Amino acid sequence: MPVYLDVHKLNDLDKKVTELMNSPPDEFGVSHLNLFINIEADICYCLLEAPSKEAVQKHHSKINIECDWIVEVKKAK
């Protein structure tokens, strides 16, 4: 499954990180591999497994989050 990295405003997701990390894949086939947050800068980076970039966009749109960018990446390990 492809892996994507995205960035967007944190939008209080810092309170939901554990819940998001332990949640099963959603209806778009997206699952969280890791989340990186910077509370002071109000930024969240998501590392996700997803079938497509469009699935990542839909995953965020359902909770009214707009990504600044989404890019497919390869894991080094």
N, C-alpha and C. Protein backbone atom coordinates (compact mmCIF):
# COMPACT_ATOMS: atom_id res chain seq x y z
N MET A 1 0.86 -1.17 0.00
CA MET A 1 0.00 0.00 0.00
C MET A 1 0.91 1.23 0.00
N PRO A 2 0.59 2.24 -0.80
CA PRO A 2 1.38 3.48 -0.82
C PRO A 2 1.35 4.19 0.54
N VAL A 3 2.40 4.96 0.79
CA VAL A 3 2.52 5.74 2.02
C VAL A 3 2.58 7.22 1.64
N TYR A 4 1.85 8.05 2.39
CA TYR A 4 1.77 9.49 2.11
C TYR A 4 2.13 10.28 3.36
N LEU A 5 2.75 11.43 3.12
CA LEU A 5 3.04 12.39 4.17
C LEU A 5 2.26 13.65 3.84
N ASP A 6 1.57 14.20 4.83
CA ASP A 6 0.85 15.45 4.60
C ASP A 6 1.11 16.40 5.75
N VAL A 7 0.77 17.66 5.53
CA VAL A 7 0.91 18.67 6.58
C VAL A 7 -0.33 19.55 6.57
N HIS A 8 -0.75 19.92 7.78
CA HIS A 8 -1.91 20.80 7.93
C HIS A 8 -1.89 21.41 9.31
N LYS A 9 -2.79 22.33 9.56
CA LYS A 9 -2.92 22.92 10.90
C LYS A 9 -3.29 21.81 11.89
N LEU A 10 -2.84 21.96 13.11
CA LEU A 10 -3.08 20.95 14.14
C LEU A 10 -4.56 20.82 14.49
N ASN A 11 -5.27 21.94 14.57
CA ASN A 11 -6.72 21.92 14.83
C ASN A 11 -7.11 21.06 16.03
N ASP A 12 -6.39 21.18 17.14
CA ASP A 12 -6.69 20.43 18.37
C ASP A 12 -6.55 18.92 18.24
N LEU A 13 -5.89 18.44 17.19
CA LEU A 13 -5.70 17.00 17.05
C LEU A 13 -4.73 16.44 18.07
N ASP A 14 -3.96 17.31 18.73
CA ASP A 14 -3.02 16.83 19.75
C ASP A 14 -3.74 16.05 20.85
N LYS A 15 -5.00 16.36 21.06
CA LYS A 15 -5.79 15.66 22.08
C LYS A 15 -6.28 14.30 21.60
N LYS A 16 -6.18 14.04 20.29
CA LYS A 16 -6.73 12.81 19.71
C LYS A 16 -5.65 11.91 19.12
N VAL A 17 -4.37 12.22 19.33
CA VAL A 17 -3.29 11.48 18.67
C VAL A 17 -3.36 9.99 18.96
N THR A 18 -3.50 9.61 20.23
CA THR A 18 -3.55 8.19 20.59
C THR A 18 -4.74 7.51 19.94
N GLU A 19 -5.88 8.17 19.97
CA GLU A 19 -7.09 7.61 19.35
C GLU A 19 -6.89 7.41 17.85
N LEU A 20 -6.31 8.40 17.18
CA LEU A 20 -6.08 8.30 15.74
C LEU A 20 -5.09 7.19 15.40
N MET A 21 -4.03 7.08 16.19
CA MET A 21 -3.01 6.08 15.92
C MET A 21 -3.53 4.65 16.11
N ASN A 22 -4.51 4.48 16.96
CA ASN A 22 -5.05 3.14 17.23
C ASN A 22 -6.32 2.83 16.46
N SER A 23 -6.75 3.73 15.61
CA SER A 23 -7.99 3.50 14.88
C SER A 23 -7.73 2.61 13.65
N PRO A 24 -8.73 1.80 13.29
CA PRO A 24 -8.59 0.96 12.09
C PRO A 24 -8.67 1.82 10.83
N PRO A 25 -8.33 1.24 9.68
CA PRO A 25 -8.48 2.00 8.43
C PRO A 25 -9.91 2.52 8.28
N ASP A 26 -10.04 3.73 7.76
CA ASP A 26 -11.37 4.32 7.59
C ASP A 26 -12.03 3.83 6.31
N GLU A 27 -13.18 4.39 5.99
CA GLU A 27 -13.94 3.96 4.81
C GLU A 27 -13.22 4.25 3.49
N PHE A 28 -12.16 5.07 3.53
CA PHE A 28 -11.38 5.37 2.33
C PHE A 28 -10.12 4.50 2.25
N GLY A 29 -9.93 3.62 3.24
CA GLY A 29 -8.76 2.74 3.26
C GLY A 29 -7.52 3.40 3.84
N VAL A 30 -7.69 4.51 4.56
CA VAL A 30 -6.56 5.27 5.11
C VAL A 30 -6.32 4.84 6.56
N SER A 31 -5.04 4.56 6.87
CA SER A 31 -4.67 4.28 8.26
C SER A 31 -3.42 5.07 8.63
N HIS A 32 -3.33 5.44 9.90
CA HIS A 32 -2.21 6.25 10.40
C HIS A 32 -1.02 5.36 10.74
N LEU A 33 0.14 5.71 10.22
CA LEU A 33 1.39 5.05 10.61
C LEU A 33 2.06 5.82 11.73
N ASN A 34 2.01 7.16 11.64
CA ASN A 34 2.57 8.01 12.67
C ASN A 34 2.05 9.43 12.50
N LEU A 35 2.05 10.18 13.57
CA LEU A 35 1.69 11.60 13.56
C LEU A 35 2.80 12.37 14.26
N PHE A 36 3.16 13.50 13.70
CA PHE A 36 4.18 14.36 14.28
C PHE A 36 3.53 15.73 14.47
N ILE A 37 3.55 16.22 15.71
CA ILE A 37 2.87 17.49 15.98
C ILE A 37 3.84 18.50 16.58
N ASN A 38 3.60 19.76 16.25
CA ASN A 38 4.30 20.88 16.85
C ASN A 38 3.22 21.82 17.37
N ILE A 39 2.98 21.74 18.67
CA ILE A 39 1.89 22.50 19.27
C ILE A 39 2.12 24.00 19.14
N GLU A 40 3.36 24.45 19.36
CA GLU A 40 3.67 25.88 19.29
C GLU A 40 3.42 26.45 17.89
N ALA A 41 3.74 25.68 16.86
CA ALA A 41 3.55 26.14 15.48
C ALA A 41 2.17 25.78 14.93
N ASP A 42 1.36 25.00 15.70
CA ASP A 42 0.03 24.57 15.27
C ASP A 42 0.10 23.78 13.96
N ILE A 43 1.07 22.83 13.89
CA ILE A 43 1.27 22.04 12.67
C ILE A 43 1.21 20.56 13.01
N CYS A 44 0.61 19.80 12.11
CA CYS A 44 0.55 18.35 12.22
C CYS A 44 1.04 17.74 10.91
N TYR A 45 1.96 16.79 11.03
CA TYR A 45 2.41 15.99 9.89
C TYR A 45 1.84 14.60 10.08
N CYS A 46 1.18 14.07 9.08
CA CYS A 46 0.61 12.73 9.14
C CYS A 46 1.37 11.81 8.19
N LEU A 47 1.74 10.64 8.68
CA LEU A 47 2.30 9.60 7.84
C LEU A 47 1.22 8.53 7.75
N LEU A 48 0.71 8.32 6.55
CA LEU A 48 -0.48 7.49 6.35
C LEU A 48 -0.26 6.42 5.28
N GLU A 49 -0.90 5.29 5.47
CA GLU A 49 -1.03 4.31 4.39
C GLU A 49 -2.38 4.58 3.75
N ALA A 50 -2.39 4.65 2.43
CA ALA A 50 -3.65 4.94 1.74
C ALA A 50 -3.56 4.43 0.30
N PRO A 51 -4.70 4.08 -0.27
CA PRO A 51 -4.69 3.60 -1.64
C PRO A 51 -4.36 4.68 -2.67
N SER A 52 -4.58 5.97 -2.30
CA SER A 52 -4.33 7.05 -3.25
C SER A 52 -4.25 8.40 -2.52
N LYS A 53 -3.74 9.39 -3.22
CA LYS A 53 -3.70 10.75 -2.69
C LYS A 53 -5.13 11.26 -2.46
N GLU A 54 -6.02 10.89 -3.36
CA GLU A 54 -7.42 11.31 -3.24
C GLU A 54 -8.06 10.75 -1.97
N ALA A 55 -7.68 9.52 -1.60
CA ALA A 55 -8.20 8.93 -0.36
C ALA A 55 -7.72 9.72 0.85
N VAL A 56 -6.47 10.19 0.83
CA VAL A 56 -5.94 11.02 1.92
C VAL A 56 -6.73 12.32 2.01
N GLN A 57 -7.02 12.92 0.85
CA GLN A 57 -7.80 14.16 0.84
C GLN A 57 -9.19 13.93 1.43
N LYS A 58 -9.85 12.86 1.05
CA LYS A 58 -11.18 12.55 1.57
C LYS A 58 -11.13 12.27 3.07
N HIS A 59 -10.08 11.58 3.51
CA HIS A 59 -9.88 11.28 4.93
C HIS A 59 -9.86 12.56 5.76
N HIS A 60 -9.16 13.57 5.29
CA HIS A 60 -9.07 14.84 6.01
C HIS A 60 -10.34 15.69 5.82
N SER A 61 -10.92 15.65 4.64
CA SER A 61 -12.12 16.45 4.37
C SER A 61 -13.28 16.07 5.28
N LYS A 62 -13.37 14.78 5.64
CA LYS A 62 -14.51 14.35 6.47
C LYS A 62 -14.49 14.99 7.85
N ILE A 63 -13.32 15.50 8.29
CA ILE A 63 -13.25 16.21 9.57
C ILE A 63 -12.87 17.68 9.36
N ASN A 64 -13.14 18.17 8.16
CA ASN A 64 -12.96 19.58 7.81
C ASN A 64 -11.53 20.09 7.99
N ILE A 65 -10.56 19.26 7.57
CA ILE A 65 -9.16 19.67 7.59
C ILE A 65 -8.66 19.73 6.16
N GLU A 66 -8.06 20.87 5.82
CA GLU A 66 -7.47 21.04 4.49
C GLU A 66 -5.96 20.91 4.61
N CYS A 67 -5.39 20.00 3.85
CA CYS A 67 -3.94 19.79 3.86
C CYS A 67 -3.25 20.87 3.03
N ASP A 68 -2.10 21.34 3.54
CA ASP A 68 -1.29 22.27 2.76
C ASP A 68 -0.62 21.55 1.61
N TRP A 69 -0.20 20.31 1.86
CA TRP A 69 0.33 19.46 0.79
C TRP A 69 0.26 17.99 1.21
N ILE A 70 0.25 17.13 0.20
CA ILE A 70 0.25 15.68 0.37
C ILE A 70 1.24 15.14 -0.65
N VAL A 71 2.15 14.28 -0.20
CA VAL A 71 3.14 13.72 -1.11
C VAL A 71 3.32 12.23 -0.81
N GLU A 72 3.45 11.42 -1.86
CA GLU A 72 3.74 10.00 -1.66
C GLU A 72 5.21 9.87 -1.30
N VAL A 73 5.50 9.02 -0.32
CA VAL A 73 6.88 8.80 0.13
C VAL A 73 7.16 7.31 0.20
N LYS A 74 8.44 6.98 0.25
CA LYS A 74 8.88 5.59 0.44
C LYS A 74 9.55 5.51 1.80
N LYS A 75 9.25 4.45 2.54
CA LYS A 75 9.90 4.25 3.84
C LYS A 75 11.32 3.77 3.62
N ALA A 76 12.26 4.30 4.39
CA ALA A 76 13.66 3.93 4.26
C ALA A 76 13.94 2.54 4.83
N LYS A 77 13.15 2.10 5.81
CA LYS A 77 13.35 0.78 6.41
C LYS A 77 12.30 -0.18 5.96
